Protein backbone atom coordinates (compact mmCIF):
# COMPACT_ATOMS: atom_id res chain seq x y z
CA UNK A 1 -91.50 -4.16 106.67
CA UNK A 2 -87.91 -3.40 107.65
CA UNK A 3 -87.47 -1.59 110.96
CA UNK A 4 -85.00 1.26 110.42
CA UNK A 5 -84.91 2.49 114.01
CA UNK A 6 -81.53 2.26 115.67
CA UNK A 7 -81.00 0.87 119.12
CA UNK A 8 -79.50 3.23 121.69
CA UNK A 9 -76.16 1.38 121.49
CA UNK A 10 -76.03 1.67 117.67
CA UNK A 11 -76.94 5.35 117.86
CA UNK A 12 -74.17 5.92 120.43
CA UNK A 13 -71.61 4.30 118.12
CA UNK A 14 -72.64 6.57 115.22
CA UNK A 15 -72.25 9.65 117.44
CA UNK A 16 -68.77 8.58 118.58
CA UNK A 17 -66.01 11.09 117.64
CA UNK A 18 -64.04 9.96 114.62
CA UNK A 19 -60.67 10.11 116.39
CA UNK A 20 -61.65 7.12 118.58
CA UNK A 21 -61.98 4.81 115.59
CA UNK A 22 -59.06 2.42 115.16
CA UNK A 23 -56.52 3.81 112.67
CA UNK A 24 -57.62 7.43 112.98
CA UNK A 25 -55.38 9.53 115.17
CA UNK A 26 -55.44 13.21 115.99
CA UNK A 27 -53.77 14.33 112.73
CA UNK A 28 -56.11 12.32 110.49
CA UNK A 29 -59.10 13.52 112.53
CA UNK A 30 -58.03 17.13 111.83
CA UNK A 31 -57.86 16.40 108.09
CA UNK A 32 -61.29 14.78 108.16
CA UNK A 33 -62.66 17.79 110.07
CA UNK A 34 -61.79 19.93 107.01
CA UNK A 35 -64.35 17.79 105.16
CA UNK A 36 -66.91 18.23 107.97
CA UNK A 37 -66.40 14.67 109.18
CA UNK A 38 -66.45 14.69 112.98
CA UNK A 39 -68.16 11.43 113.91
CA UNK A 40 -68.70 7.96 112.45
CA UNK A 41 -72.12 8.95 111.13
CA UNK A 42 -70.51 11.74 109.06
CA UNK A 43 -67.99 9.29 107.62
CA UNK A 44 -70.63 6.75 106.63
CA UNK A 45 -72.67 9.41 104.84
CA UNK A 46 -69.69 10.99 103.05
CA UNK A 47 -70.31 10.20 99.40
CA UNK A 48 -67.98 10.53 96.40
CA UNK A 49 -68.23 13.72 94.33
CA UNK A 50 -68.02 11.68 91.12
CA UNK A 51 -67.21 8.27 89.69
CA UNK A 52 -64.55 7.39 87.13
CA UNK A 53 -65.53 4.58 84.78
CA UNK A 54 -62.48 2.46 83.97
CA UNK A 55 -64.56 -0.67 83.48
CA UNK A 56 -64.43 -0.98 79.69
CA UNK A 57 -61.12 -1.24 77.91
CA UNK A 58 -61.24 0.14 74.37
CA UNK A 59 -59.15 -0.58 71.31
CA UNK A 60 -57.08 2.37 70.13
CA UNK A 61 -59.07 2.58 66.87
CA UNK A 62 -62.26 3.14 68.90
CA UNK A 63 -60.93 6.15 70.88
CA UNK A 64 -62.72 9.42 70.21
CA UNK A 65 -61.63 12.97 70.99
CA UNK A 66 -63.12 14.09 74.30
CA UNK A 67 -63.47 10.55 75.69
CA UNK A 68 -62.08 9.83 79.12
CA UNK A 69 -61.43 6.14 78.83
CA UNK A 70 -59.23 3.13 79.40
CA UNK A 71 -57.22 1.53 76.60
CA UNK A 72 -54.60 -1.20 76.34
CA UNK A 73 -51.38 -1.13 74.35
CA UNK A 74 -47.65 -1.54 74.13
CA UNK A 75 -45.15 1.28 74.34
CA UNK A 76 -42.81 1.66 71.42
CA UNK A 77 -39.71 2.35 73.53
CA UNK A 78 -37.84 3.66 70.49
CA UNK A 79 -40.41 6.44 70.30
CA UNK A 80 -39.79 7.80 73.82
CA UNK A 81 -38.60 11.40 73.70
CA UNK A 82 -37.57 13.40 76.74
CA UNK A 83 -37.51 17.19 76.71
CA UNK A 84 -36.17 19.30 79.54
CA UNK A 85 -37.61 22.77 79.26
CA UNK A 86 -37.74 25.34 82.06
CA UNK A 87 -37.42 22.62 84.75
CA UNK A 88 -40.25 20.70 83.08
CA UNK A 89 -39.64 17.10 82.02
CA UNK A 90 -41.80 16.11 79.08
CA UNK A 91 -41.99 12.45 78.08
CA UNK A 92 -43.59 11.54 74.77
CA UNK A 93 -44.27 7.96 73.71
CA UNK A 94 -46.09 6.15 70.95
CA UNK A 95 -48.58 3.52 72.15
CA UNK A 96 -49.88 0.86 69.79
CA UNK A 97 -52.14 -2.18 69.64
CA UNK A 98 -53.39 -4.35 66.77
CA UNK A 99 -55.90 -1.66 65.72
CA UNK A 100 -53.90 1.58 65.73
CA UNK A 101 -51.64 3.93 67.62
CA UNK A 102 -51.84 6.98 69.87
CA UNK A 103 -49.29 9.39 71.28
CA UNK A 104 -49.11 9.90 75.04
CA UNK A 105 -47.47 12.81 76.84
CA UNK A 106 -46.51 13.03 80.51
CA UNK A 107 -45.33 16.17 82.30
CA UNK A 108 -42.88 15.92 85.23
CA UNK A 109 -43.27 12.16 85.60
CA UNK A 110 -39.77 10.97 84.71
CA UNK A 111 -40.10 8.09 87.21
CA UNK A 112 -42.25 6.36 84.58
CA UNK A 113 -39.13 5.63 82.52
CA UNK A 114 -37.96 3.13 85.16
CA UNK A 115 -41.20 1.16 84.84
CA UNK A 116 -41.54 1.10 81.05
CA UNK A 117 -40.18 -2.09 79.52
CA UNK A 118 -40.13 -2.92 75.84
CA UNK A 119 -43.00 -5.14 74.67
CA UNK A 120 -44.80 -5.10 78.03
CA UNK A 121 -48.55 -4.49 77.77
CA UNK A 122 -49.95 -1.57 79.76
CA UNK A 123 -53.36 -0.13 80.56
CA UNK A 124 -53.80 3.62 80.17
CA UNK A 125 -56.56 5.89 81.46
CA UNK A 126 -56.94 9.49 80.44
CA UNK A 127 -58.71 12.03 78.27
CA UNK A 128 -58.27 11.75 74.52
CA UNK A 129 -57.51 15.02 72.74
CA UNK A 130 -56.31 16.19 69.34
CA UNK A 131 -52.80 17.43 68.65
CA UNK A 132 -51.59 18.35 65.14
CA UNK A 133 -54.21 16.19 63.38
CA UNK A 134 -53.48 13.10 65.49
CA UNK A 135 -55.00 11.80 68.70
CA UNK A 136 -53.12 12.17 71.96
CA UNK A 137 -53.59 11.38 75.63
CA UNK A 138 -52.09 13.82 78.15
CA UNK A 139 -50.84 12.54 81.52
CA UNK A 140 -52.62 9.18 81.34
CA UNK A 141 -52.55 6.90 84.35
CA UNK A 142 -50.41 3.87 83.48
CA UNK A 143 -50.55 0.39 85.00
CA UNK A 144 -48.96 -2.82 83.83
CA UNK A 145 -51.55 -5.17 82.36
CA UNK A 146 -52.34 -8.05 84.70
CA UNK A 147 -51.18 -6.23 87.85
CA UNK A 148 -52.87 -7.61 90.95
CA UNK A 149 -53.28 -4.12 92.44
CA UNK A 150 -54.76 -2.60 89.29
CA UNK A 151 -57.52 0.00 89.42
CA UNK A 152 -58.26 -0.50 85.74
CA UNK A 153 -61.36 -2.41 84.76
CA UNK A 154 -63.30 -0.92 87.69
CA UNK A 155 -65.57 2.00 88.49
CA UNK A 156 -63.73 4.16 91.03
CA UNK A 157 -65.23 6.69 93.43
CA UNK A 158 -63.65 10.16 93.40
CA UNK A 159 -63.64 11.94 96.74
CA UNK A 160 -62.70 15.56 97.47
CA UNK A 161 -59.06 16.00 98.45
CA UNK A 162 -57.71 17.40 101.69
CA UNK A 163 -54.27 18.96 101.55
């Protein structure tokens, strides 16, 4: 049987204030305190509030309204439309693959235009909804396919935010 009792030294480490851990200064310790994390033991037992499943990449033809999923496609750069309305930048683009197409809309994310190149393949993650009898994805997360720092194709933990 596995002995789960901690030695005195291990117990002392778990009770150590969080600000004494390498990389956590006074400011970060104050932010963690807002999440009721005061010592290492609190940090170890701080679990995600949810998980986001980006592990399966769907074809566009398989997307269903209400799904929150990951899909792969190319951006038709000729379809990009930019609207400026009441200090709100709206970018609309048509995404396609071999099986179909979907429209994507981003609000106040004009920096995306610098990263979108014609014929590059991208991965998108977002909720699929209906708009004027067609499917659409609002504010999807976009990453270039094959990126070494990609979070697509994984199951990601979602933690509460601290402002």
